[in-house]
Amino acid sequence: MTAALRNYHTRMQRVLDHIDRHLDDDLDLDALSSVAAYSKYHFHRQFTATFRLSVHRYIQLARMKRASYRLAYSDAESVTDIAARRRQHRQSRARRAVPLSRLASGQR
């Protein structure tokens, strides 16, 4: 394997590791392409060509895999619990994104 190919694989592995560590966060193309140190357009093309999935689809599948693992191996969690936790996390992120002054005035 050439040094350039090893570097390429290292960058893609870094992105996969980042996705796995941040599944509950917003994983937009800009952030992931910066992890790989590519432009977002080049990164998206290369990711899709390498994994035969779009970045968005890969993230969806990773989240579903994690949820199915929790269902299979955690007796304390139900489908409703897992979905509610995901919804609460998304709502709390949305609240942090809207300035408090706008929330107080009823604007969004």
N, C-alpha and C. Protein backbone atom coordinates (compact mmCIF):
# COMPACT_ATOMS: atom_id res chain seq x y z
N MET A 1 0.86 -1.18 0.00
CA MET A 1 0.00 0.00 0.00
C MET A 1 0.90 1.23 0.00
N THR A 2 0.57 2.17 -0.84
CA THR A 2 1.37 3.39 -0.92
C THR A 2 1.08 4.31 0.26
N ALA A 3 1.98 5.24 0.48
CA ALA A 3 1.81 6.19 1.59
C ALA A 3 0.56 7.04 1.38
N ALA A 4 0.29 7.43 0.13
CA ALA A 4 -0.89 8.25 -0.16
C ALA A 4 -2.17 7.49 0.15
N LEU A 5 -2.20 6.21 -0.19
CA LEU A 5 -3.39 5.39 0.08
C LEU A 5 -3.57 5.17 1.58
N ARG A 6 -2.48 4.95 2.30
CA ARG A 6 -2.55 4.82 3.76
C ARG A 6 -3.09 6.10 4.39
N ASN A 7 -2.63 7.24 3.90
CA ASN A 7 -3.11 8.53 4.40
C ASN A 7 -4.61 8.68 4.15
N TYR A 8 -5.04 8.30 2.98
CA TYR A 8 -6.45 8.38 2.62
C TYR A 8 -7.29 7.50 3.56
N HIS A 9 -6.85 6.26 3.78
CA HIS A 9 -7.59 5.35 4.66
C HIS A 9 -7.59 5.88 6.10
N THR A 10 -6.50 6.46 6.53
CA THR A 10 -6.43 7.03 7.87
C THR A 10 -7.44 8.16 8.04
N ARG A 11 -7.57 9.00 7.03
CA ARG A 11 -8.53 10.10 7.10
C ARG A 11 -9.96 9.58 7.19
N MET A 12 -10.28 8.59 6.38
CA MET A 12 -11.64 8.04 6.40
C MET A 12 -11.91 7.33 7.73
N GLN A 13 -10.92 6.63 8.26
CA GLN A 13 -11.10 5.98 9.56
C GLN A 13 -11.31 7.00 10.66
N ARG A 14 -10.61 8.12 10.56
CA ARG A 14 -10.78 9.20 11.54
C ARG A 14 -12.22 9.71 11.52
N VAL A 15 -12.81 9.82 10.34
CA VAL A 15 -14.20 10.28 10.21
C VAL A 15 -15.15 9.25 10.81
N LEU A 16 -14.94 7.96 10.52
CA LEU A 16 -15.81 6.92 11.08
C LEU A 16 -15.73 6.91 12.60
N ASP A 17 -14.54 7.06 13.14
CA ASP A 17 -14.38 7.12 14.60
C ASP A 17 -15.09 8.34 15.17
N HIS A 18 -14.99 9.47 14.49
CA HIS A 18 -15.66 10.70 14.94
C HIS A 18 -17.18 10.50 14.95
N ILE A 19 -17.70 9.89 13.91
CA ILE A 19 -19.14 9.64 13.83
C ILE A 19 -19.57 8.74 14.99
N ASP A 20 -18.83 7.68 15.23
CA ASP A 20 -19.18 6.76 16.32
C ASP A 20 -19.16 7.44 17.69
N ARG A 21 -18.23 8.34 17.90
CA ARG A 21 -18.13 9.03 19.20
C ARG A 21 -19.17 10.13 19.36
N HIS A 22 -19.73 10.63 18.26
CA HIS A 22 -20.64 11.78 18.32
C HIS A 22 -22.00 11.50 17.68
N LEU A 23 -22.50 10.29 17.82
CA LEU A 23 -23.78 9.94 17.20
C LEU A 23 -24.95 10.79 17.69
N ASP A 24 -24.87 11.28 18.92
CA ASP A 24 -25.97 12.11 19.45
C ASP A 24 -25.87 13.56 19.03
N ASP A 25 -24.77 13.95 18.43
CA ASP A 25 -24.56 15.34 18.02
C ASP A 25 -25.03 15.55 16.58
N ASP A 26 -25.11 16.82 16.20
CA ASP A 26 -25.37 17.14 14.80
C ASP A 26 -24.10 16.87 14.02
N LEU A 27 -24.18 15.98 13.08
CA LEU A 27 -23.02 15.61 12.27
C LEU A 27 -23.24 16.14 10.86
N ASP A 28 -22.91 17.40 10.66
CA ASP A 28 -23.11 17.97 9.34
C ASP A 28 -21.87 17.75 8.47
N LEU A 29 -22.07 17.95 7.19
CA LEU A 29 -21.02 17.70 6.21
C LEU A 29 -19.80 18.58 6.44
N ASP A 30 -20.01 19.82 6.84
CA ASP A 30 -18.89 20.73 7.09
C ASP A 30 -17.98 20.20 8.20
N ALA A 31 -18.58 19.75 9.29
CA ALA A 31 -17.79 19.25 10.42
C ALA A 31 -17.05 17.98 10.04
N LEU A 32 -17.72 17.06 9.36
CA LEU A 32 -17.08 15.80 9.01
C LEU A 32 -15.98 15.98 7.97
N SER A 33 -16.21 16.88 7.03
CA SER A 33 -15.17 17.11 6.02
C SER A 33 -13.94 17.76 6.64
N SER A 34 -14.14 18.56 7.68
CA SER A 34 -12.98 19.15 8.35
C SER A 34 -12.21 18.10 9.14
N VAL A 35 -12.89 17.09 9.67
CA VAL A 35 -12.20 15.99 10.34
C VAL A 35 -11.31 15.25 9.33
N ALA A 36 -11.82 15.08 8.12
CA ALA A 36 -11.06 14.39 7.08
C ALA A 36 -10.05 15.30 6.39
N ALA A 37 -10.15 16.59 6.62
CA ALA A 37 -9.28 17.58 5.98
C ALA A 37 -9.45 17.59 4.46
N TYR A 38 -10.71 17.52 4.03
CA TYR A 38 -11.08 17.64 2.62
C TYR A 38 -12.14 18.74 2.50
N SER A 39 -12.32 19.24 1.28
CA SER A 39 -13.46 20.12 1.07
C SER A 39 -14.72 19.27 1.21
N LYS A 40 -15.84 19.91 1.55
CA LYS A 40 -17.05 19.12 1.78
C LYS A 40 -17.51 18.41 0.51
N TYR A 41 -17.28 18.99 -0.65
CA TYR A 41 -17.70 18.37 -1.90
C TYR A 41 -16.84 17.13 -2.20
N HIS A 42 -15.53 17.29 -2.07
CA HIS A 42 -14.63 16.16 -2.31
C HIS A 42 -14.88 15.06 -1.28
N PHE A 43 -15.04 15.45 -0.03
CA PHE A 43 -15.28 14.47 1.03
C PHE A 43 -16.53 13.66 0.75
N HIS A 44 -17.62 14.33 0.39
CA HIS A 44 -18.87 13.61 0.15
C HIS A 44 -18.73 12.62 -1.01
N ARG A 45 -18.09 13.06 -2.08
CA ARG A 45 -17.89 12.16 -3.23
C ARG A 45 -17.04 10.95 -2.83
N GLN A 46 -15.95 11.21 -2.11
CA GLN A 46 -15.05 10.13 -1.73
C GLN A 46 -15.68 9.18 -0.71
N PHE A 47 -16.43 9.71 0.22
CA PHE A 47 -17.11 8.87 1.22
C PHE A 47 -18.09 7.95 0.52
N THR A 48 -18.89 8.50 -0.37
CA THR A 48 -19.89 7.71 -1.10
C THR A 48 -19.23 6.67 -1.98
N ALA A 49 -18.15 7.04 -2.64
CA ALA A 49 -17.44 6.08 -3.49
C ALA A 49 -16.80 4.96 -2.66
N THR A 50 -16.29 5.29 -1.51
CA THR A 50 -15.60 4.31 -0.67
C THR A 50 -16.57 3.35 0.00
N PHE A 51 -17.63 3.87 0.60
CA PHE A 51 -18.53 3.06 1.41
C PHE A 51 -19.84 2.70 0.71
N ARG A 52 -20.04 3.22 -0.48
CA ARG A 52 -21.27 2.97 -1.24
C ARG A 52 -22.53 3.42 -0.51
N LEU A 53 -22.36 4.39 0.38
CA LEU A 53 -23.45 5.01 1.12
C LEU A 53 -23.16 6.49 1.23
N SER A 54 -24.21 7.29 1.25
CA SER A 54 -23.99 8.71 1.53
C SER A 54 -23.63 8.85 3.00
N VAL A 55 -23.06 9.96 3.36
CA VAL A 55 -22.71 10.23 4.75
C VAL A 55 -23.97 10.19 5.61
N HIS A 56 -25.01 10.84 5.14
CA HIS A 56 -26.28 10.89 5.88
C HIS A 56 -26.81 9.48 6.14
N ARG A 57 -26.80 8.63 5.12
CA ARG A 57 -27.32 7.27 5.27
C ARG A 57 -26.45 6.46 6.25
N TYR A 58 -25.14 6.65 6.18
CA TYR A 58 -24.24 5.95 7.11
C TYR A 58 -24.58 6.33 8.55
N ILE A 59 -24.79 7.61 8.79
CA ILE A 59 -25.11 8.08 10.15
C ILE A 59 -26.45 7.49 10.61
N GLN A 60 -27.44 7.47 9.72
CA GLN A 60 -28.73 6.86 10.07
C GLN A 60 -28.57 5.40 10.46
N LEU A 61 -27.81 4.66 9.67
CA LEU A 61 -27.61 3.24 9.96
C LEU A 61 -26.84 3.03 11.26
N ALA A 62 -25.87 3.88 11.53
CA ALA A 62 -25.10 3.77 12.78
C ALA A 62 -26.01 4.03 13.98
N ARG A 63 -26.90 5.01 13.86
CA ARG A 63 -27.83 5.30 14.96
C ARG A 63 -28.82 4.16 15.15
N MET A 64 -29.30 3.58 14.06
CA MET A 64 -30.22 2.45 14.18
C MET A 64 -29.51 1.23 14.78
N LYS A 65 -28.27 1.02 14.41
CA LYS A 65 -27.50 -0.10 14.97
C LYS A 65 -27.34 0.05 16.48
N ARG A 66 -27.03 1.27 16.91
CA ARG A 66 -26.87 1.51 18.35
C ARG A 66 -28.20 1.28 19.08
N ALA A 67 -29.30 1.76 18.50
CA ALA A 67 -30.61 1.58 19.12
C ALA A 67 -30.99 0.10 19.18
N SER A 68 -30.71 -0.65 18.12
CA SER A 68 -31.05 -2.07 18.12
C SER A 68 -30.21 -2.83 19.14
N TYR A 69 -28.96 -2.43 19.31
CA TYR A 69 -28.11 -3.05 20.33
C TYR A 69 -28.68 -2.79 21.72
N ARG A 70 -29.11 -1.57 21.95
CA ARG A 70 -29.70 -1.24 23.26
C ARG A 70 -30.97 -2.04 23.51
N LEU A 71 -31.77 -2.23 22.47
CA LEU A 71 -32.99 -3.02 22.63
C LEU A 71 -32.68 -4.48 22.92
N ALA A 72 -31.67 -4.99 22.25
CA ALA A 72 -31.35 -6.41 22.39
C ALA A 72 -30.69 -6.73 23.73
N TYR A 73 -29.87 -5.81 24.24
CA TYR A 73 -29.05 -6.14 25.40
C TYR A 73 -29.37 -5.35 26.67
N SER A 74 -30.38 -4.51 26.63
CA SER A 74 -30.74 -3.76 27.82
C SER A 74 -32.19 -4.03 28.16
N ASP A 75 -32.40 -4.76 29.23
CA ASP A 75 -33.76 -5.10 29.64
C ASP A 75 -34.52 -3.88 30.15
N ALA A 76 -33.80 -2.89 30.61
CA ALA A 76 -34.45 -1.72 31.23
C ALA A 76 -34.98 -0.73 30.20
N GLU A 77 -34.54 -0.84 28.96
CA GLU A 77 -34.95 0.16 27.96
C GLU A 77 -35.94 -0.44 26.95
N SER A 78 -36.97 0.32 26.67
CA SER A 78 -37.93 -0.07 25.65
C SER A 78 -37.73 0.80 24.42
N VAL A 79 -38.43 0.49 23.37
CA VAL A 79 -38.36 1.30 22.15
C VAL A 79 -38.76 2.74 22.47
N THR A 80 -39.79 2.89 23.28
CA THR A 80 -40.26 4.22 23.66
C THR A 80 -39.19 4.99 24.43
N ASP A 81 -38.50 4.30 25.34
CA ASP A 81 -37.43 4.96 26.11
C ASP A 81 -36.32 5.47 25.21
N ILE A 82 -35.90 4.63 24.27
CA ILE A 82 -34.81 5.01 23.37
C ILE A 82 -35.23 6.18 22.49
N ALA A 83 -36.45 6.12 21.96
CA ALA A 83 -36.93 7.21 21.11
C ALA A 83 -37.09 8.50 21.91
N ALA A 84 -37.57 8.39 23.14
CA ALA A 84 -37.75 9.58 23.98
C ALA A 84 -36.41 10.22 24.31
N ARG A 85 -35.40 9.41 24.58
CA ARG A 85 -34.08 9.96 24.89
C ARG A 85 -33.52 10.70 23.66
N ARG A 86 -33.70 10.13 22.51
CA ARG A 86 -33.22 10.78 21.27
C ARG A 86 -33.96 12.10 21.06
N ARG A 87 -35.26 12.09 21.28
CA ARG A 87 -36.07 13.31 21.10
C ARG A 87 -35.67 14.38 22.10
N GLN A 88 -35.44 14.00 23.35
CA GLN A 88 -35.04 14.97 24.38
C GLN A 88 -33.68 15.58 24.05
N HIS A 89 -32.78 14.75 23.58
CA HIS A 89 -31.44 15.26 23.22
C HIS A 89 -31.55 16.27 22.08
N ARG A 90 -32.37 15.96 21.08
CA ARG A 90 -32.52 16.88 19.95
C ARG A 90 -33.18 18.19 20.39
N GLN A 91 -34.16 18.09 21.29
CA GLN A 91 -34.84 19.30 21.77
C GLN A 91 -33.91 20.16 22.60
N SER A 92 -33.07 19.54 23.42
CA SER A 92 -32.16 20.34 24.25
C SER A 92 -31.12 21.03 23.37
N ARG A 93 -30.68 20.39 22.31
CA ARG A 93 -29.75 21.04 21.37
C ARG A 93 -30.42 22.21 20.68
N ALA A 94 -31.70 22.04 20.34
CA ALA A 94 -32.43 23.13 19.67
C ALA A 94 -32.59 24.32 20.61
N ARG A 95 -32.84 24.04 21.87
CA ARG A 95 -32.98 25.13 22.84
C ARG A 95 -31.66 25.89 23.01
N ARG A 96 -30.56 25.17 23.03
CA ARG A 96 -29.26 25.84 23.16
C ARG A 96 -28.95 26.68 21.92
N ALA A 97 -29.49 26.29 20.78
CA ALA A 97 -29.21 27.02 19.55
C ALA A 97 -29.99 28.32 19.45
N VAL A 98 -31.13 28.41 20.15
CA VAL A 98 -31.96 29.63 20.11
C VAL A 98 -31.58 30.50 21.31
N PRO A 99 -31.17 31.74 21.08
CA PRO A 99 -30.81 32.61 22.20
C PRO A 99 -31.97 32.77 23.19
N LEU A 100 -31.63 32.86 24.47
CA LEU A 100 -32.65 32.94 25.52
C LEU A 100 -33.55 34.16 25.36
N SER A 101 -33.01 35.27 24.91
CA SER A 101 -33.83 36.47 24.73
C SER A 101 -34.94 36.24 23.71
N ARG A 102 -34.65 35.46 22.68
CA ARG A 102 -35.67 35.15 21.68
C ARG A 102 -36.70 34.18 22.23
N LEU A 103 -36.27 33.24 23.08
CA LEU A 103 -37.23 32.33 23.69
C LEU A 103 -38.21 33.07 24.61
N ALA A 104 -37.66 34.01 25.38
CA ALA A 104 -38.48 34.77 26.32
C ALA A 104 -39.53 35.60 25.59
N SER A 105 -39.19 36.10 24.43
CA SER A 105 -40.13 36.93 23.70
C SER A 105 -41.09 36.11 22.85
N GLY A 106 -40.90 34.78 22.82
CA GLY A 106 -41.79 33.93 22.05
C GLY A 106 -41.38 33.76 20.61
N GLN A 107 -40.28 34.37 20.21
CA GLN A 107 -39.78 34.21 18.83
C GLN A 107 -38.93 32.95 18.73
N ARG A 108 -38.85 32.43 17.53
CA ARG A 108 -38.00 31.25 17.30
C ARG A 108 -37.11 31.47 16.14
